[in-house]
N, C-alpha and C. Protein backbone atom coordinates (compact mmCIF):
# COMPACT_ATOMS: atom_id res chain seq x y z
N MET A 1 -9.13 -13.66 -15.58
CA MET A 1 -9.91 -12.58 -14.99
C MET A 1 -9.05 -11.84 -13.96
N SER A 2 -8.99 -10.54 -14.09
CA SER A 2 -8.19 -9.70 -13.20
C SER A 2 -8.82 -9.63 -11.80
N PRO A 3 -8.00 -9.38 -10.79
CA PRO A 3 -8.55 -9.22 -9.44
C PRO A 3 -9.30 -7.89 -9.33
N THR A 4 -10.10 -7.77 -8.29
CA THR A 4 -10.81 -6.52 -8.03
C THR A 4 -9.91 -5.60 -7.21
N GLU A 5 -10.28 -4.34 -7.16
CA GLU A 5 -9.53 -3.38 -6.34
C GLU A 5 -9.55 -3.83 -4.88
N GLU A 6 -10.70 -4.33 -4.43
CA GLU A 6 -10.81 -4.80 -3.04
C GLU A 6 -9.84 -5.94 -2.77
N GLN A 7 -9.70 -6.86 -3.70
CA GLN A 7 -8.76 -7.97 -3.53
C GLN A 7 -7.32 -7.47 -3.46
N VAL A 8 -7.00 -6.49 -4.28
CA VAL A 8 -5.65 -5.93 -4.27
C VAL A 8 -5.39 -5.23 -2.93
N LEU A 9 -6.35 -4.44 -2.47
CA LEU A 9 -6.18 -3.75 -1.18
C LEU A 9 -6.07 -4.75 -0.04
N ASP A 10 -6.85 -5.82 -0.08
CA ASP A 10 -6.73 -6.86 0.96
C ASP A 10 -5.33 -7.47 0.96
N ALA A 11 -4.79 -7.73 -0.23
CA ALA A 11 -3.43 -8.28 -0.33
C ALA A 11 -2.42 -7.28 0.23
N LEU A 12 -2.60 -6.01 -0.07
CA LEU A 12 -1.66 -5.00 0.40
C LEU A 12 -1.68 -4.83 1.92
N LYS A 13 -2.74 -5.29 2.56
CA LYS A 13 -2.80 -5.24 4.02
C LYS A 13 -1.82 -6.20 4.68
N GLN A 14 -1.14 -7.02 3.87
CA GLN A 14 -0.09 -7.90 4.38
C GLN A 14 1.26 -7.19 4.45
N VAL A 15 1.34 -5.98 3.92
CA VAL A 15 2.61 -5.24 3.86
C VAL A 15 2.66 -4.25 5.01
N TYR A 16 3.71 -4.38 5.82
CA TYR A 16 3.88 -3.53 6.98
C TYR A 16 5.18 -2.75 6.88
N ASP A 17 5.14 -1.49 7.28
CA ASP A 17 6.36 -0.73 7.47
C ASP A 17 7.07 -1.38 8.66
N PRO A 18 8.34 -1.79 8.51
CA PRO A 18 9.02 -2.49 9.60
C PRO A 18 9.12 -1.68 10.89
N GLU A 19 8.96 -0.37 10.78
CA GLU A 19 9.08 0.48 11.98
C GLU A 19 7.75 0.77 12.64
N ILE A 20 6.65 0.42 11.96
CA ILE A 20 5.31 0.75 12.46
C ILE A 20 4.44 -0.50 12.38
N PRO A 21 3.81 -0.91 13.47
CA PRO A 21 3.02 -2.15 13.46
C PRO A 21 1.63 -2.03 12.83
N VAL A 22 1.55 -1.33 11.70
CA VAL A 22 0.28 -1.15 11.00
C VAL A 22 0.55 -1.32 9.51
N ASP A 23 -0.38 -1.96 8.79
CA ASP A 23 -0.18 -2.20 7.36
C ASP A 23 -0.29 -0.91 6.56
N ILE A 24 0.22 -0.95 5.32
CA ILE A 24 0.30 0.25 4.50
C ILE A 24 -1.07 0.79 4.08
N VAL A 25 -2.07 -0.07 4.00
CA VAL A 25 -3.41 0.40 3.63
C VAL A 25 -4.00 1.20 4.79
N ASN A 26 -3.96 0.65 6.00
CA ASN A 26 -4.52 1.35 7.15
C ASN A 26 -3.70 2.55 7.57
N LEU A 27 -2.40 2.56 7.21
CA LEU A 27 -1.59 3.75 7.45
C LEU A 27 -1.97 4.90 6.51
N GLY A 28 -2.69 4.57 5.45
CA GLY A 28 -3.06 5.59 4.47
C GLY A 28 -1.99 5.84 3.44
N LEU A 29 -1.08 4.88 3.26
CA LEU A 29 0.01 5.04 2.31
C LEU A 29 -0.37 4.68 0.88
N VAL A 30 -1.48 3.96 0.69
CA VAL A 30 -1.92 3.58 -0.65
C VAL A 30 -2.90 4.64 -1.15
N TYR A 31 -2.50 5.34 -2.20
CA TYR A 31 -3.32 6.41 -2.76
C TYR A 31 -4.28 5.92 -3.82
N GLY A 32 -3.97 4.78 -4.44
CA GLY A 32 -4.87 4.29 -5.46
C GLY A 32 -4.38 3.01 -6.09
N VAL A 33 -5.32 2.29 -6.71
CA VAL A 33 -5.04 1.04 -7.41
C VAL A 33 -5.77 1.10 -8.74
N SER A 34 -5.07 0.74 -9.80
CA SER A 34 -5.73 0.60 -11.10
C SER A 34 -5.41 -0.78 -11.65
N ILE A 35 -6.39 -1.37 -12.31
CA ILE A 35 -6.26 -2.72 -12.84
C ILE A 35 -6.77 -2.73 -14.27
N GLU A 36 -5.94 -3.25 -15.17
CA GLU A 36 -6.36 -3.34 -16.56
C GLU A 36 -5.66 -4.52 -17.22
N ASP A 37 -6.45 -5.45 -17.69
CA ASP A 37 -5.93 -6.61 -18.43
C ASP A 37 -4.79 -7.32 -17.69
N GLY A 38 -4.99 -7.58 -16.42
CA GLY A 38 -4.00 -8.32 -15.65
C GLY A 38 -2.82 -7.50 -15.16
N ILE A 39 -2.82 -6.21 -15.46
CA ILE A 39 -1.74 -5.34 -15.00
C ILE A 39 -2.28 -4.48 -13.85
N VAL A 40 -1.63 -4.60 -12.71
CA VAL A 40 -2.05 -3.85 -11.52
C VAL A 40 -1.03 -2.75 -11.26
N ARG A 41 -1.54 -1.56 -11.08
CA ARG A 41 -0.68 -0.42 -10.74
C ARG A 41 -1.11 0.11 -9.38
N VAL A 42 -0.13 0.24 -8.50
CA VAL A 42 -0.38 0.73 -7.15
C VAL A 42 0.30 2.09 -7.03
N LYS A 43 -0.47 3.09 -6.64
CA LYS A 43 0.08 4.42 -6.37
C LYS A 43 0.13 4.57 -4.86
N MET A 44 1.32 4.82 -4.35
CA MET A 44 1.47 4.88 -2.90
C MET A 44 2.51 5.91 -2.51
N THR A 45 2.66 6.10 -1.23
CA THR A 45 3.64 7.01 -0.69
C THR A 45 4.31 6.37 0.51
N THR A 46 5.18 7.09 1.16
CA THR A 46 5.78 6.66 2.42
C THR A 46 5.49 7.75 3.45
N THR A 47 5.82 7.47 4.68
CA THR A 47 5.53 8.46 5.73
C THR A 47 6.37 9.71 5.58
N SER A 48 7.48 9.62 4.84
CA SER A 48 8.29 10.80 4.52
C SER A 48 9.04 10.53 3.22
N PRO A 49 9.34 11.58 2.44
CA PRO A 49 10.02 11.36 1.16
C PRO A 49 11.36 10.63 1.29
N GLY A 50 12.05 10.81 2.37
CA GLY A 50 13.35 10.17 2.56
C GLY A 50 13.28 8.85 3.30
N CYS A 51 12.10 8.27 3.40
CA CYS A 51 11.91 7.03 4.15
C CYS A 51 12.86 5.94 3.65
N PRO A 52 13.67 5.37 4.53
CA PRO A 52 14.64 4.37 4.10
C PRO A 52 14.04 3.03 3.69
N VAL A 53 12.77 2.80 3.97
CA VAL A 53 12.17 1.51 3.62
C VAL A 53 11.23 1.59 2.41
N GLY A 54 11.27 2.69 1.67
CA GLY A 54 10.41 2.84 0.51
C GLY A 54 10.57 1.73 -0.50
N ASP A 55 11.81 1.40 -0.86
CA ASP A 55 12.05 0.33 -1.83
C ASP A 55 11.56 -1.01 -1.30
N PHE A 56 11.77 -1.25 -0.02
CA PHE A 56 11.29 -2.49 0.61
C PHE A 56 9.77 -2.58 0.52
N LEU A 57 9.08 -1.48 0.83
CA LEU A 57 7.62 -1.49 0.77
C LEU A 57 7.13 -1.74 -0.65
N ALA A 58 7.79 -1.14 -1.64
CA ALA A 58 7.40 -1.34 -3.03
C ALA A 58 7.59 -2.80 -3.44
N GLN A 59 8.70 -3.40 -3.06
CA GLN A 59 8.96 -4.80 -3.40
C GLN A 59 7.95 -5.73 -2.72
N GLU A 60 7.63 -5.45 -1.48
CA GLU A 60 6.64 -6.25 -0.76
C GLU A 60 5.26 -6.10 -1.38
N ALA A 61 4.91 -4.88 -1.78
CA ALA A 61 3.62 -4.65 -2.43
C ALA A 61 3.54 -5.46 -3.72
N LYS A 62 4.58 -5.43 -4.51
CA LYS A 62 4.61 -6.21 -5.75
C LYS A 62 4.49 -7.71 -5.45
N ARG A 63 5.22 -8.16 -4.44
CA ARG A 63 5.22 -9.59 -4.09
C ARG A 63 3.83 -10.07 -3.72
N VAL A 64 3.12 -9.34 -2.86
CA VAL A 64 1.82 -9.84 -2.39
C VAL A 64 0.75 -9.72 -3.48
N VAL A 65 0.83 -8.70 -4.32
CA VAL A 65 -0.18 -8.53 -5.38
C VAL A 65 0.03 -9.60 -6.45
N ARG A 66 1.28 -9.95 -6.73
CA ARG A 66 1.56 -10.99 -7.74
C ARG A 66 0.93 -12.34 -7.38
N THR A 67 0.64 -12.56 -6.11
CA THR A 67 0.07 -13.85 -5.69
C THR A 67 -1.41 -13.97 -6.06
N LEU A 68 -2.04 -12.87 -6.43
CA LEU A 68 -3.47 -12.91 -6.76
C LEU A 68 -3.69 -13.52 -8.14
N ASP A 69 -4.77 -14.28 -8.26
CA ASP A 69 -5.14 -14.86 -9.56
C ASP A 69 -5.41 -13.74 -10.56
N GLY A 70 -4.95 -13.93 -11.76
CA GLY A 70 -5.23 -13.00 -12.84
C GLY A 70 -4.26 -11.84 -12.95
N VAL A 71 -3.21 -11.83 -12.12
CA VAL A 71 -2.23 -10.74 -12.17
C VAL A 71 -1.06 -11.18 -13.05
N ASP A 72 -0.82 -10.41 -14.10
CA ASP A 72 0.31 -10.69 -14.99
C ASP A 72 1.51 -9.81 -14.68
N ALA A 73 1.27 -8.61 -14.19
CA ALA A 73 2.36 -7.68 -13.87
C ALA A 73 1.88 -6.70 -12.81
N VAL A 74 2.85 -6.19 -12.04
CA VAL A 74 2.54 -5.22 -10.98
C VAL A 74 3.54 -4.08 -11.07
N GLY A 75 3.01 -2.88 -11.02
CA GLY A 75 3.87 -1.70 -10.97
C GLY A 75 3.53 -0.88 -9.75
N VAL A 76 4.55 -0.28 -9.14
CA VAL A 76 4.34 0.59 -7.99
C VAL A 76 4.91 1.96 -8.33
N GLU A 77 4.10 2.97 -8.15
CA GLU A 77 4.52 4.35 -8.39
C GLU A 77 4.42 5.11 -7.07
N PHE A 78 5.49 5.81 -6.72
CA PHE A 78 5.45 6.64 -5.51
C PHE A 78 4.96 8.03 -5.87
N ALA A 79 4.12 8.57 -5.00
CA ALA A 79 3.57 9.91 -5.17
C ALA A 79 3.85 10.69 -3.88
N TRP A 80 4.16 11.95 -4.03
CA TRP A 80 4.47 12.77 -2.85
C TRP A 80 3.45 13.89 -2.67
N ASP A 81 2.45 13.91 -3.55
CA ASP A 81 1.43 14.93 -3.45
C ASP A 81 0.06 14.26 -3.47
N PRO A 82 -0.70 14.34 -2.43
CA PRO A 82 -0.42 15.11 -1.24
C PRO A 82 0.58 14.38 -0.34
N PRO A 83 1.34 15.12 0.44
CA PRO A 83 2.25 14.47 1.37
C PRO A 83 1.45 13.72 2.44
N TRP A 84 2.00 12.60 2.87
CA TRP A 84 1.33 11.81 3.90
C TRP A 84 1.31 12.57 5.22
N THR A 85 0.18 12.44 5.93
CA THR A 85 0.06 12.97 7.28
C THR A 85 -0.64 11.92 8.13
N PRO A 86 -0.46 11.96 9.44
CA PRO A 86 -1.13 10.98 10.31
C PRO A 86 -2.65 10.97 10.17
N GLU A 87 -3.24 12.07 9.71
CA GLU A 87 -4.69 12.12 9.54
C GLU A 87 -5.17 11.15 8.46
N MET A 88 -4.27 10.66 7.62
CA MET A 88 -4.63 9.73 6.55
C MET A 88 -4.83 8.30 7.06
N MET A 89 -4.44 8.05 8.30
CA MET A 89 -4.60 6.71 8.87
C MET A 89 -6.06 6.43 9.17
N THR A 90 -6.42 5.14 9.10
CA THR A 90 -7.77 4.75 9.49
C THR A 90 -7.91 4.87 11.00
N GLU A 91 -9.15 4.86 11.47
CA GLU A 91 -9.40 4.90 12.91
C GLU A 91 -8.77 3.69 13.59
N ASP A 92 -8.83 2.52 12.94
CA ASP A 92 -8.23 1.31 13.50
C ASP A 92 -6.73 1.48 13.70
N ALA A 93 -6.07 2.09 12.72
CA ALA A 93 -4.62 2.30 12.81
C ALA A 93 -4.30 3.24 13.97
N LYS A 94 -5.07 4.30 14.09
CA LYS A 94 -4.83 5.25 15.19
C LYS A 94 -5.02 4.58 16.55
N LYS A 95 -6.03 3.73 16.65
CA LYS A 95 -6.25 3.00 17.90
C LYS A 95 -5.09 2.06 18.20
N LYS A 96 -4.64 1.35 17.17
CA LYS A 96 -3.55 0.39 17.36
C LYS A 96 -2.27 1.09 17.83
N LEU A 97 -2.08 2.30 17.37
CA LEU A 97 -0.89 3.06 17.76
C LEU A 97 -1.10 3.86 19.05
N GLY A 98 -2.32 3.76 19.62
CA GLY A 98 -2.61 4.46 20.87
C GLY A 98 -2.81 5.95 20.69
N TRP A 99 -3.23 6.36 19.51
CA TRP A 99 -3.42 7.78 19.22
C TRP A 99 -4.86 8.21 19.49
N GLN A 100 -5.69 7.30 20.01
CA GLN A 100 -7.08 7.65 20.33
C GLN A 100 -7.42 7.16 21.70
């Protein structure tokens, strides 16, 4: 049985940009998750197209999602449209960063 989208998003909350003390879900970097027959696809972005930790974030996302029961494969696709903006962060993330 494949994991739910909620389970995948919870797992992705373990992935942090090394430069920002907030996980990629609350930063608003995860644009979507699709799950079909044990294959999980994560569509995400980085805070900027030239972000030096993009590959690291993708590898970490794959690592944490693979730990879920029912996952046979994980793919990560980067998307640049729409471009990430700070408004995409959750209220909790903004508070943690002192932006509120």
